[in-house]
Every structure is written in C-alpha cells, then in structure tokens.
C-alpha atoms as a PDB file:
ATOM      1  CA  UNK A   1     262.523  17.341 133.686  1.00  0.00           C
ATOM      2  CA  UNK A   2     261.893  14.076 131.707  1.00  0.00           C
ATOM      3  CA  UNK A   3     261.514  14.856 128.066  1.00  0.00           C
ATOM      4  CA  UNK A   4     259.970  12.861 125.289  1.00  0.00           C
ATOM      5  CA  UNK A   5     261.940  14.317 122.258  1.00  0.00           C
ATOM      6  CA  UNK A   6     265.641  14.972 121.682  1.00  0.00           C
ATOM      7  CA  UNK A   7     266.866  18.366 120.787  1.00  0.00           C
ATOM      8  CA  UNK A   8     267.882  19.271 117.217  1.00  0.00           C
ATOM      9  CA  UNK A   9     271.476  19.286 116.358  1.00  0.00           C
ATOM     10  CA  UNK A  10     272.461  15.561 116.469  1.00  0.00           C
ATOM     11  CA  UNK A  11     274.550  13.786 119.164  1.00  0.00           C
ATOM     12  CA  UNK A  12     276.642  16.823 120.230  1.00  0.00           C
ATOM     13  CA  UNK A  13     273.367  18.717 121.170  1.00  0.00           C
ATOM     14  CA  UNK A  14     272.056  15.622 122.992  1.00  0.00           C
ATOM     15  CA  UNK A  15     275.255  15.214 124.945  1.00  0.00           C
ATOM     16  CA  UNK A  16     275.187  18.957 125.932  1.00  0.00           C
ATOM     17  CA  UNK A  17     271.591  18.761 127.102  1.00  0.00           C
ATOM     18  CA  UNK A  18     272.437  15.644 129.160  1.00  0.00           C
ATOM     19  CA  UNK A  19     275.507  17.240 130.692  1.00  0.00           C
ATOM     20  CA  UNK A  20     273.212  20.084 131.765  1.00  0.00           C
ATOM     21  CA  UNK A  21     270.814  17.599 133.471  1.00  0.00           C
ATOM     22  CA  UNK A  22     268.199  16.775 130.986  1.00  0.00           C
ATOM     23  CA  UNK A  23     266.674  13.253 130.983  1.00  0.00           C
ATOM     24  CA  UNK A  24     265.072  11.760 127.868  1.00  0.00           C
ATOM     25  CA  UNK A  25     262.587   8.909 127.693  1.00  0.00           C
ATOM     26  CA  UNK A  26     262.122   7.946 124.023  1.00  0.00           C
ATOM     27  CA  UNK A  27     259.746   5.698 122.265  1.00  0.00           C
ATOM     28  CA  UNK A  28     260.742   2.131 121.593  1.00  0.00           C
ATOM     29  CA  UNK A  29     262.564   1.713 118.163  1.00  0.00           C
ATOM     30  CA  UNK A  30     263.473  -1.236 116.085  1.00  0.00           C
ATOM     31  CA  UNK A  31     266.942  -1.587 117.773  1.00  0.00           C
ATOM     32  CA  UNK A  32     265.534  -1.335 121.383  1.00  0.00           C
ATOM     33  CA  UNK A  33     262.638  -3.612 120.440  1.00  0.00           C
ATOM     34  CA  UNK A  34     265.265  -6.215 119.131  1.00  0.00           C
ATOM     35  CA  UNK A  35     267.478  -5.747 122.108  1.00  0.00           C
ATOM     36  CA  UNK A  36     264.632  -6.221 124.671  1.00  0.00           C
ATOM     37  CA  UNK A  37     263.235  -9.224 122.750  1.00  0.00           C
ATOM     38  CA  UNK A  38     266.493 -11.114 122.604  1.00  0.00           C
ATOM     39  CA  UNK A  39     267.260 -10.692 126.306  1.00  0.00           C
ATOM     40  CA  UNK A  40     263.573 -11.626 127.089  1.00  0.00           C
ATOM     41  CA  UNK A  41     264.074 -14.759 125.137  1.00  0.00           C
ATOM     42  CA  UNK A  42     267.028 -15.830 127.201  1.00  0.00           C
ATOM     43  CA  UNK A  43     265.143 -15.229 130.443  1.00  0.00           C
ATOM     44  CA  UNK A  44     262.207 -17.296 129.053  1.00  0.00           C
ATOM     45  CA  UNK A  45     264.686 -20.141 128.209  1.00  0.00           C
ATOM     46  CA  UNK A  46     266.172 -20.089 131.691  1.00  0.00           C
ATOM     47  CA  UNK A  47     262.892 -19.668 133.680  1.00  0.00           C
ATOM     48  CA  UNK A  48     260.676 -21.926 131.769  1.00  0.00           C
ATOM     49  CA  UNK A  49     256.853 -21.786 131.601  1.00  0.00           C
ATOM     50  CA  UNK A  50     255.154 -18.523 132.635  1.00  0.00           C
ATOM     51  CA  UNK A  51     256.097 -14.819 132.522  1.00  0.00           C
ATOM     52  CA  UNK A  52     259.685 -14.283 133.241  1.00  0.00           C
ATOM     53  CA  UNK A  53     259.029 -11.480 135.482  1.00  0.00           C
ATOM     54  CA  UNK A  54     257.096 -13.793 137.744  1.00  0.00           C
ATOM     55  CA  UNK A  55     259.739 -16.505 137.904  1.00  0.00           C
ATOM     56  CA  UNK A  56     260.804 -15.336 141.297  1.00  0.00           C
ATOM     57  CA  UNK A  57     257.733 -17.007 142.716  1.00  0.00           C
ATOM     58  CA  UNK A  58     258.080 -20.304 140.846  1.00  0.00           C
ATOM     59  CA  UNK A  59     261.690 -20.988 141.907  1.00  0.00           C
ATOM     60  CA  UNK A  60     263.762 -21.051 145.054  1.00  0.00           C
ATOM     61  CA  UNK A  61     265.843 -17.924 145.707  1.00  0.00           C
ATOM     62  CA  UNK A  62     269.039 -19.789 144.760  1.00  0.00           C
ATOM     63  CA  UNK A  63     267.502 -21.178 141.475  1.00  0.00           C
ATOM     64  CA  UNK A  64     266.247 -17.674 140.535  1.00  0.00           C
ATOM     65  CA  UNK A  65     269.302 -15.833 141.048  1.00  0.00           C
ATOM     66  CA  UNK A  66     271.557 -18.560 139.602  1.00  0.00           C
ATOM     67  CA  UNK A  67     269.458 -18.457 136.430  1.00  0.00           C
ATOM     68  CA  UNK A  68     269.540 -14.653 136.308  1.00  0.00           C
ATOM     69  CA  UNK A  69     273.179 -14.845 136.768  1.00  0.00           C
ATOM     70  CA  UNK A  70     273.618 -17.115 133.830  1.00  0.00           C
ATOM     71  CA  UNK A  71     271.543 -14.736 131.559  1.00  0.00           C
ATOM     72  CA  UNK A  72     273.499 -11.728 132.927  1.00  0.00           C
ATOM     73  CA  UNK A  73     276.809 -13.302 131.868  1.00  0.00           C
ATOM     74  CA  UNK A  74     275.504 -14.095 128.402  1.00  0.00           C
ATOM     75  CA  UNK A  75     274.151 -10.680 127.936  1.00  0.00           C
ATOM     76  CA  UNK A  76     277.481  -9.176 128.875  1.00  0.00           C
ATOM     77  CA  UNK A  77     279.734 -11.460 126.914  1.00  0.00           C
ATOM     78  CA  UNK A  78     277.982 -13.036 123.921  1.00  0.00           C
ATOM     79  CA  UNK A  79     276.721 -12.103 120.502  1.00  0.00           C
ATOM     80  CA  UNK A  80     274.285 -10.602 119.410  1.00  0.00           C
ATOM     81  CA  UNK A  81     274.414  -8.089 122.185  1.00  0.00           C
ATOM     82  CA  UNK A  82     277.393  -5.969 121.197  1.00  0.00           C
ATOM     83  CA  UNK A  83     275.632  -5.424 117.833  1.00  0.00           C
ATOM     84  CA  UNK A  84     272.470  -4.450 119.767  1.00  0.00           C
ATOM     85  CA  UNK A  85     274.399  -1.876 121.713  1.00  0.00           C
ATOM     86  CA  UNK A  86     276.108  -0.499 118.625  1.00  0.00           C
ATOM     87  CA  UNK A  87     272.785  -0.460 116.671  1.00  0.00           C
ATOM     88  CA  UNK A  88     271.009   1.381 119.526  1.00  0.00           C
ATOM     89  CA  UNK A  89     273.894   3.991 119.703  1.00  0.00           C
ATOM     90  CA  UNK A  90     273.891   4.479 115.971  1.00  0.00           C
ATOM     91  CA  UNK A  91     270.097   4.943 115.773  1.00  0.00           C
ATOM     92  CA  UNK A  92     270.725   8.321 117.630  1.00  0.00           C
ATOM     93  CA  UNK A  93     273.822   9.183 115.666  1.00  0.00           C
ATOM     94  CA  UNK A  94     276.238   7.948 118.450  1.00  0.00           C
ATOM     95  CA  UNK A  95     279.157   6.355 116.513  1.00  0.00           C
ATOM     96  CA  UNK A  96     281.410   3.720 118.129  1.00  0.00           C
ATOM     97  CA  UNK A  97     284.383   5.364 116.543  1.00  0.00           C
ATOM     98  CA  UNK A  98     283.794   8.451 118.733  1.00  0.00           C
ATOM     99  CA  UNK A  99     282.045   7.064 121.755  1.00  0.00           C
ATOM    100  CA  UNK A 100     283.461   4.425 124.133  1.00  0.00           C
ATOM    101  CA  UNK A 101     280.795   2.114 125.461  1.00  0.00           C
ATOM    102  CA  UNK A 102     280.299  -0.305 128.255  1.00  0.00           C
ATOM    103  CA  UNK A 103     278.975  -3.733 127.464  1.00  0.00           C
ATOM    104  CA  UNK A 104     275.326  -4.469 128.191  1.00  0.00           C
ATOM    105  CA  UNK A 105     274.256  -5.315 131.708  1.00  0.00           C
ATOM    106  CA  UNK A 106     271.055  -7.109 132.885  1.00  0.00           C
ATOM    107  CA  UNK A 107     269.504  -5.532 135.946  1.00  0.00           C
ATOM    108  CA  UNK A 108     267.148  -7.458 138.279  1.00  0.00           C
ATOM    109  CA  UNK A 109     265.022  -5.634 140.910  1.00  0.00           C
ATOM    110  CA  UNK A 110     263.081  -8.422 142.623  1.00  0.00           C
ATOM    111  CA  UNK A 111     259.885  -8.085 144.689  1.00  0.00           C
ATOM    112  CA  UNK A 112     260.866  -7.189 148.298  1.00  0.00           C
ATOM    113  CA  UNK A 113     264.535  -7.483 147.612  1.00  0.00           C
ATOM    114  CA  UNK A 114     265.024  -4.293 149.610  1.00  0.00           C
ATOM    115  CA  UNK A 115     264.433  -6.379 152.809  1.00  0.00           C
ATOM    116  CA  UNK A 116     267.544  -8.453 151.993  1.00  0.00           C
ATOM    117  CA  UNK A 117     270.690  -6.947 153.573  1.00  0.00           C
ATOM    118  CA  UNK A 118     272.905  -8.432 150.802  1.00  0.00           C
ATOM    119  CA  UNK A 119     270.837  -6.434 148.252  1.00  0.00           C
ATOM    120  CA  UNK A 120     270.672  -3.092 150.292  1.00  0.00           C
ATOM    121  CA  UNK A 121     273.423  -1.345 148.251  1.00  0.00           C
ATOM    122  CA  UNK A 122     271.326  -1.536 145.151  1.00  0.00           C
ATOM    123  CA  UNK A 123     268.949   0.892 146.799  1.00  0.00           C
ATOM    124  CA  UNK A 124     271.487   3.492 147.858  1.00  0.00           C
ATOM    125  CA  UNK A 125     271.008   6.970 146.417  1.00  0.00           C
ATOM    126  CA  UNK A 126     274.096   7.535 144.339  1.00  0.00           C
ATOM    127  CA  UNK A 127     275.776   9.087 141.347  1.00  0.00           C
ATOM    128  CA  UNK A 128     277.348   6.622 138.835  1.00  0.00           C
ATOM    129  CA  UNK A 129     280.381   8.939 138.777  1.00  0.00           C
ATOM    130  CA  UNK A 130     281.128   7.876 142.309  1.00  0.00           C
ATOM    131  CA  UNK A 131     282.234   4.502 140.857  1.00  0.00           C
ATOM    132  CA  UNK A 132     285.057   6.106 138.975  1.00  0.00           C
ATOM    133  CA  UNK A 133     282.950   6.626 135.719  1.00  0.00           C
ATOM    134  CA  UNK A 134     283.712   9.692 133.644  1.00  0.00           C
ATOM    135  CA  UNK A 135     281.767  12.804 133.996  1.00  0.00           C
ATOM    136  CA  UNK A 136     280.829  12.764 130.281  1.00  0.00           C
ATOM    137  CA  UNK A 137     279.213   9.313 130.754  1.00  0.00           C
ATOM    138  CA  UNK A 138     275.650   8.827 129.476  1.00  0.00           C
ATOM    139  CA  UNK A 139     273.538   5.919 130.833  1.00  0.00           C
ATOM    140  CA  UNK A 140     271.198   4.141 128.276  1.00  0.00           C
ATOM    141  CA  UNK A 141     268.449   2.176 130.088  1.00  0.00           C
ATOM    142  CA  UNK A 142     265.785  -0.119 128.540  1.00  0.00           C
ATOM    143  CA  UNK A 143     263.087  -2.067 130.386  1.00  0.00           C
ATOM    144  CA  UNK A 144     262.274  -5.596 129.144  1.00  0.00           C
ATOM    145  CA  UNK A 145     258.628  -5.248 130.032  1.00  0.00           C
ATOM    146  CA  UNK A 146     256.150  -2.501 130.918  1.00  0.00           C
ATOM    147  CA  UNK A 147     257.148  -0.989 134.378  1.00  0.00           C
ATOM    148  CA  UNK A 148     255.427   1.463 136.719  1.00  0.00           C
ATOM    149  CA  UNK A 149     256.921   4.196 138.852  1.00  0.00           C
ATOM    150  CA  UNK A 150     256.946   1.791 141.732  1.00  0.00           C
ATOM    151  CA  UNK A 151     259.466  -0.463 139.947  1.00  0.00           C
ATOM    152  CA  UNK A 152     261.943   1.938 138.430  1.00  0.00           C
ATOM    153  CA  UNK A 153     264.116   4.637 140.130  1.00  0.00           C
ATOM    154  CA  UNK A 154     263.930   8.325 141.045  1.00  0.00           C
ATOM    155  CA  UNK A 155     266.009  11.384 140.267  1.00  0.00           C
ATOM    156  CA  UNK A 156     266.853  14.152 142.708  1.00  0.00           C
ATOM    157  CA  UNK A 157     267.230  17.061 140.260  1.00  0.00           C
ATOM    158  CA  UNK A 158     267.911  19.814 142.760  1.00  0.00           C
ATOM    159  CA  UNK A 159     271.156  17.975 143.501  1.00  0.00           C
ATOM    160  CA  UNK A 160     272.390  17.618 139.996  1.00  0.00           C
ATOM    161  CA  UNK A 161     274.799  20.513 140.374  1.00  0.00           C
ATOM    162  CA  UNK A 162     274.805  20.645 144.075  1.00  0.00           C
ATOM    163  CA  UNK A 163     277.254  18.576 146.375  1.00  0.00           C
ATOM    164  CA  UNK A 164     276.005  16.031 148.802  1.00  0.00           C
ATOM    165  CA  UNK A 165     277.867  14.224 151.534  1.00  0.00           C
ATOM    166  CA  UNK A 166     278.974  10.818 150.398  1.00  0.00           C
ATOM    167  CA  UNK A 167     281.748   8.184 150.804  1.00  0.00           C
ATOM    168  CA  UNK A 168     282.979   8.122 147.112  1.00  0.00           C
ATOM    169  CA  UNK A 169     286.476   9.034 148.315  1.00  0.00           C
ATOM    170  CA  UNK A 170     286.710   5.393 149.708  1.00  0.00           C
ATOM    171  CA  UNK A 171     286.038   3.905 146.259  1.00  0.00           C
ATOM    172  CA  UNK A 172     288.956   2.918 144.034  1.00  0.00           C
ATOM    173  CA  UNK A 173     288.101   1.147 140.789  1.00  0.00           C
ATOM    174  CA  UNK A 174     291.262  -1.047 140.671  1.00  0.00           C
ATOM    175  CA  UNK A 175     290.551  -2.349 144.267  1.00  0.00           C
ATOM    176  CA  UNK A 176     286.785  -2.874 143.403  1.00  0.00           C
ATOM    177  CA  UNK A 177     287.634  -4.996 140.416  1.00  0.00           C
ATOM    178  CA  UNK A 178     289.754  -7.213 142.506  1.00  0.00           C
ATOM    179  CA  UNK A 179     286.436  -8.694 143.615  1.00  0.00           C
ATOM    180  CA  UNK A 180     286.327 -10.763 140.479  1.00  0.00           C
ATOM    181  CA  UNK A 181     284.892 -10.778 136.971  1.00  0.00           C
ATOM    182  CA  UNK A 182     281.395 -11.152 138.269  1.00  0.00           C
ATOM    183  CA  UNK A 183     281.597  -7.596 139.566  1.00  0.00           C
ATOM    184  CA  UNK A 184     282.337  -6.360 136.152  1.00  0.00           C
ATOM    185  CA  UNK A 185     279.565  -8.260 134.601  1.00  0.00           C
ATOM    186  CA  UNK A 186     276.757  -7.662 137.054  1.00  0.00           C
ATOM    187  CA  UNK A 187     277.447  -5.657 140.224  1.00  0.00           C
ATOM    188  CA  UNK A 188     274.319  -7.518 141.694  1.00  0.00           C
ATOM    189  CA  UNK A 189     275.864 -10.603 143.252  1.00  0.00           C
ATOM    190  CA  UNK A 190     274.945 -12.587 146.297  1.00  0.00           C
ATOM    191  CA  UNK A 191     276.858 -11.526 149.320  1.00  0.00           C
ATOM    192  CA  UNK A 192     278.350  -8.399 147.717  1.00  0.00           C
ATOM    193  CA  UNK A 193     276.349  -6.071 149.843  1.00  0.00           C
ATOM    194  CA  UNK A 194     278.218  -7.373 152.924  1.00  0.00           C
ATOM    195  CA  UNK A 195     281.710  -7.369 151.459  1.00  0.00           C
ATOM    196  CA  UNK A 196     282.092  -4.733 148.781  1.00  0.00           C
ATOM    197  CA  UNK A 197     282.060  -1.003 149.161  1.00  0.00           C
ATOM    198  CA  UNK A 198     279.179   0.755 147.289  1.00  0.00           C
ATOM    199  CA  UNK A 199     279.482   4.578 147.536  1.00  0.00           C
ATOM    200  CA  UNK A 200     276.389   6.108 148.988  1.00  0.00           C
ATOM    201  CA  UNK A 201     274.688   9.436 149.911  1.00  0.00           C
ATOM    202  CA  UNK A 202     274.719  10.442 153.488  1.00  0.00           C
ATOM    203  CA  UNK A 203     271.793  12.342 154.750  1.00  0.00           C
ATOM    204  CA  UNK A 204     267.991  12.412 154.648  1.00  0.00           C
ATOM    205  CA  UNK A 205     266.183  12.563 151.266  1.00  0.00           C
ATOM    206  CA  UNK A 206     262.737  12.209 152.791  1.00  0.00           C
ATOM    207  CA  UNK A 207     261.419  15.585 151.747  1.00  0.00           C
ATOM    208  CA  UNK A 208     263.686  16.217 148.838  1.00  0.00           C
ATOM    209  CA  UNK A 209     261.651  16.613 145.471  1.00  0.00           C
ATOM    210  CA  UNK A 210     262.132  13.577 143.371  1.00  0.00           C
ATOM    211  CA  UNK A 211     261.148  12.677 139.839  1.00  0.00           C
ATOM    212  CA  UNK A 212     260.036   9.104 138.941  1.00  0.00           C
ATOM    213  CA  UNK A 213     258.814   7.513 135.756  1.00  0.00           C
ATOM    214  CA  UNK A 214     256.907   4.614 134.140  1.00  0.00           C
ATOM    215  CA  UNK A 215     258.072   3.100 130.802  1.00  0.00           C
ATOM    216  CA  UNK A 216     256.877   0.633 128.221  1.00  0.00           C
ATOM    217  CA  UNK A 217     258.916  -2.313 127.117  1.00  0.00           C
ATOM    218  CA  UNK A 218     261.706  -1.229 124.873  1.00  0.00           C
ATOM    219  CA  UNK A 219     261.609   2.529 125.527  1.00  0.00           C
ATOM    220  CA  UNK A 220     264.896   4.184 126.010  1.00  0.00           C
ATOM    221  CA  UNK A 221     265.847   6.305 128.985  1.00  0.00           C
ATOM    222  CA  UNK A 222     268.916   8.559 128.638  1.00  0.00           C
ATOM    223  CA  UNK A 223     270.583  10.455 131.465  1.00  0.00           C
ATOM    224  CA  UNK A 224     273.925  11.666 132.790  1.00  0.00           C
ATOM    225  CA  UNK A 225     275.970   9.506 135.120  1.00  0.00           C
ATOM    226  CA  UNK A 226     276.200  12.581 137.368  1.00  0.00           C
ATOM    227  CA  UNK A 227     272.545  12.460 138.397  1.00  0.00           C
ATOM    228  CA  UNK A 228     271.731  11.620 141.977  1.00  0.00           C
ATOM    229  CA  UNK A 229     269.279   8.827 141.653  1.00  0.00           C
ATOM    230  CA  UNK A 230     267.917   5.910 143.678  1.00  0.00           C
ATOM    231  CA  UNK A 231     266.323   2.526 142.685  1.00  0.00           C
ATOM    232  CA  UNK A 232     262.861   2.139 144.239  1.00  0.00           C
ATOM    233  CA  UNK A 233     262.404  -0.946 146.421  1.00  0.00           C
ATOM    234  CA  UNK A 234     259.063  -2.487 145.504  1.00  0.00           C
ATOM    235  CA  UNK A 235     256.338  -4.981 146.332  1.00  0.00           C
ATOM    236  CA  UNK A 236     254.623  -5.399 143.004  1.00  0.00           C
ATOM    237  CA  UNK A 237     254.549  -9.253 143.004  1.00  0.00           C
ATOM    238  CA  UNK A 238     256.954  -9.356 140.094  1.00  0.00           C
ATOM    239  CA  UNK A 239     260.587  -8.821 139.249  1.00  0.00           C
ATOM    240  CA  UNK A 240     261.622  -5.745 137.225  1.00  0.00           C
ATOM    241  CA  UNK A 241     264.048  -6.743 134.495  1.00  0.00           C
ATOM    242  CA  UNK A 242     265.981  -4.090 132.452  1.00  0.00           C
ATOM    243  CA  UNK A 243     269.256  -3.644 130.517  1.00  0.00           C
ATOM    244  CA  UNK A 244     271.600  -0.838 130.349  1.00  0.00           C
ATOM    245  CA  UNK A 245     274.920   0.260 128.969  1.00  0.00           C
ATOM    246  CA  UNK A 246     276.935   3.504 129.116  1.00  0.00           C
ATOM    247  CA  UNK A 247     278.658   5.661 126.573  1.00  0.00           C
ATOM    248  CA  UNK A 248     281.460   8.309 126.898  1.00  0.00           C
ATOM    249  CA  UNK A 249     282.467  10.778 124.077  1.00  0.00           C
ATOM    250  CA  UNK A 250     286.177  10.310 124.145  1.00  0.00           C
ATOM    251  CA  UNK A 251     286.832  13.883 122.758  1.00  0.00           C
ATOM    252  CA  UNK A 252     284.647  15.372 125.545  1.00  0.00           C
ATOM    253  CA  UNK A 253     286.528  13.178 128.214  1.00  0.00           C
ATOM    254  CA  UNK A 254     289.929  14.332 126.974  1.00  0.00           C
ATOM    255  CA  UNK A 255     288.788  17.943 126.934  1.00  0.00           C
ATOM    256  CA  UNK A 256     287.267  17.677 130.501  1.00  0.00           C
ATOM    257  CA  UNK A 257     283.800  18.379 129.038  1.00  0.00           C
ATOM    258  CA  UNK A 258     280.735  16.732 130.835  1.00  0.00           C
ATOM    259  CA  UNK A 259     278.347  17.100 133.617  1.00  0.00           C
ATOM    260  CA  UNK A 260     279.593  19.139 136.609  1.00  0.00           C
ATOM    261  CA  UNK A 261     281.738  17.349 139.152  1.00  0.00           C
ATOM    262  CA  UNK A 262     280.488  18.652 142.410  1.00  0.00           C
ATOM    263  CA  UNK A 263     281.351  15.836 144.883  1.00  0.00           C
ATOM    264  CA  UNK A 264     282.923  12.805 143.293  1.00  0.00           C
ATOM    265  CA  UNK A 265     285.909  11.633 145.237  1.00  0.00           C
ATOM    266  CA  UNK A 266     286.501   8.251 143.638  1.00  0.00           C
ATOM    267  CA  UNK A 267     289.891   7.124 142.104  1.00  0.00           C
ATOM    268  CA  UNK A 268     290.790   4.976 139.197  1.00  0.00           C
ATOM    269  CA  UNK A 269     288.942   4.838 135.967  1.00  0.00           C
ATOM    270  CA  UNK A 270     286.135   2.536 134.731  1.00  0.00           C
ATOM    271  CA  UNK A 271     287.000   3.376 131.119  1.00  0.00           C
ATOM    272  CA  UNK A 272     289.624   0.575 131.250  1.00  0.00           C
ATOM    273  CA  UNK A 273     286.717  -1.845 130.834  1.00  0.00           C
ATOM    274  CA  UNK A 274     284.812   0.098 128.192  1.00  0.00           C
ATOM    275  CA  UNK A 275     285.020  -0.722 124.399  1.00  0.00           C
ATOM    276  CA  UNK A 276     287.283   1.969 123.283  1.00  0.00           C
ATOM    277  CA  UNK A 277     287.195   3.463 119.755  1.00  0.00           C
ATOM    278  CA  UNK A 278     289.731   1.566 117.625  1.00  0.00           C
ATOM    279  CA  UNK A 279     290.605  -0.986 120.339  1.00  0.00           C
ATOM    280  CA  UNK A 280     289.263  -4.550 119.674  1.00  0.00           C
ATOM    281  CA  UNK A 281     287.251  -6.090 122.419  1.00  0.00           C
ATOM    282  CA  UNK A 282     287.085  -9.918 123.062  1.00  0.00           C
ATOM    283  CA  UNK A 283     283.616 -10.489 124.294  1.00  0.00           C
ATOM    284  CA  UNK A 284     284.274 -14.199 124.631  1.00  0.00           C
ATOM    285  CA  UNK A 285     286.900 -13.592 127.237  1.00  0.00           C
ATOM    286  CA  UNK A 286     285.343 -10.513 128.715  1.00  0.00           C
ATOM    287  CA  UNK A 287     288.368  -8.400 128.287  1.00  0.00           C
ATOM    288  CA  UNK A 288     290.683  -6.842 125.730  1.00  0.00           C
END
C-alpha cells in the first residue's frame, strides 16, 4: 500500500493515485531537510540542552507543553515556514497558483500521552474529511527525527472506500473555530479533549488489517485526507515531533473530483483558513 516512488505523469497523476487510496513515503529532499531542520532548531532553542525529543523528561508537563505551544505558533505564523511549504509543494510540481494549502502545523505525540484524558481525541480513528476538509485534500507529513512504527500512525485501507459509523455529522467547522485561534494553529491544546468535539469512529478495529510505517527525518508521507487512520499511543521514552500541511487542487474541488465520500457528515468548510490561489495571506495576523 505504501509506495516509495511517485507515478509518472506529474501532479495530476499523483493526485489521481492519492484519490484512489495510494500512500507515498518519499526520500528526504533539500526542501524537506530544510523544513525539518528549521523546526528542529526552534525546538532546540525552546527546550535547551539535550535532544528535543527527550525534553518531556527534563521539564514539568506545563513547561513542556507551553514551550511546544510557542514553537507551534511560530511554525504556523512566521517566516520562513510559508516558503518551506511552497518549496516542498513545488519540488513535486504542486504550484500554489493551482493548489490551496493549509499553513504548517507542529504535531507533538508525547510518551504515554494516551493515558491523559485531555489528549484522548488525538488517538481517535478518523478521516480528516470529517473535520470539513475537502475530499480532494492531500496531507503532507514530515517527521523531524527518525521514527519507528510504534510512534507514527496506522491506516485502515479496507475502509478507504467503505463507510464506517462515526459522529462527523455533529461537527461544524464554524462552530469549531469559535474555540479560538489556538484551535486553528494546533488542535492539540490542553483541555480541548474535554470541551471540543473531535469526530470519531464508532466500533471495534481490533482485528481490522492495518498498515503502519517507520520513517527517517525529513522523509515525506503523502496521503488522502479520506483515509481512515489512527495515531499510535506509544511508550518509547521520547516525544515524536512532526510537521504537516494540507493541499487542495481547487479545480478538482470545484469539479467535485477527489477521494470517495462514503461517510462524511460534517458541515462548513476548512478551506476558509487555507492559503487560496491569488488571495494574499497575512501570516503575522494568522488570517487573510
């Protein structure tokens, strides 16, 4: 399922393969190396001496998550990260004048975080489309350090084109964003697991075939937002740090082309917070 090479034919062929359920794990490139290095540098500045993925054990929980939150905000709002996103896209032929893109987000998957009720929604099996994302959305995911299968996430490929029971019908993007700007920036905020509605799968996935992966720092994972997937709770004695952003081909979106919509009941549209072709974005303010 996870392929190491892109199909011939440029970005249109890549999009078509992703809409059909393909997942690509690509070698690190100069743009992704630069992206990972600049985010890692911010983490090192915040966390001080020692590996940044072990800072969880050098700081109090409040110190750790407050520091991660400061980096998350800078990654989302500040230069040079918009340029890193554009450079990564363009390295595969995805031009910003055709593809809308979502600003960069830092993801933090801490050791034993699955035991914390506030963090539980991070580990729900879900499709990103359940959050009012477009069916043509593609997710771009880059680890900041080498990661094992224990630290990443799994796909459930047999459900890519099959419906599952879920509560996405209770999710409205406009209502969600009333939770404040930090939801837009991170979606991993203290207390949000008790107060915000995170769409989730209903049922037992215990015997369902799943596909996991490991990755090296700076590698690039591409997959459709319609994939049912789930972050793995881990106890590896370190924190997994990664970054991701999303793209949407606006011509495909307008034409209704994308991955199959088998069970998404969410309302509203996350595209309001994407960088849209031809529409200036103010990263300093975090909005257009």
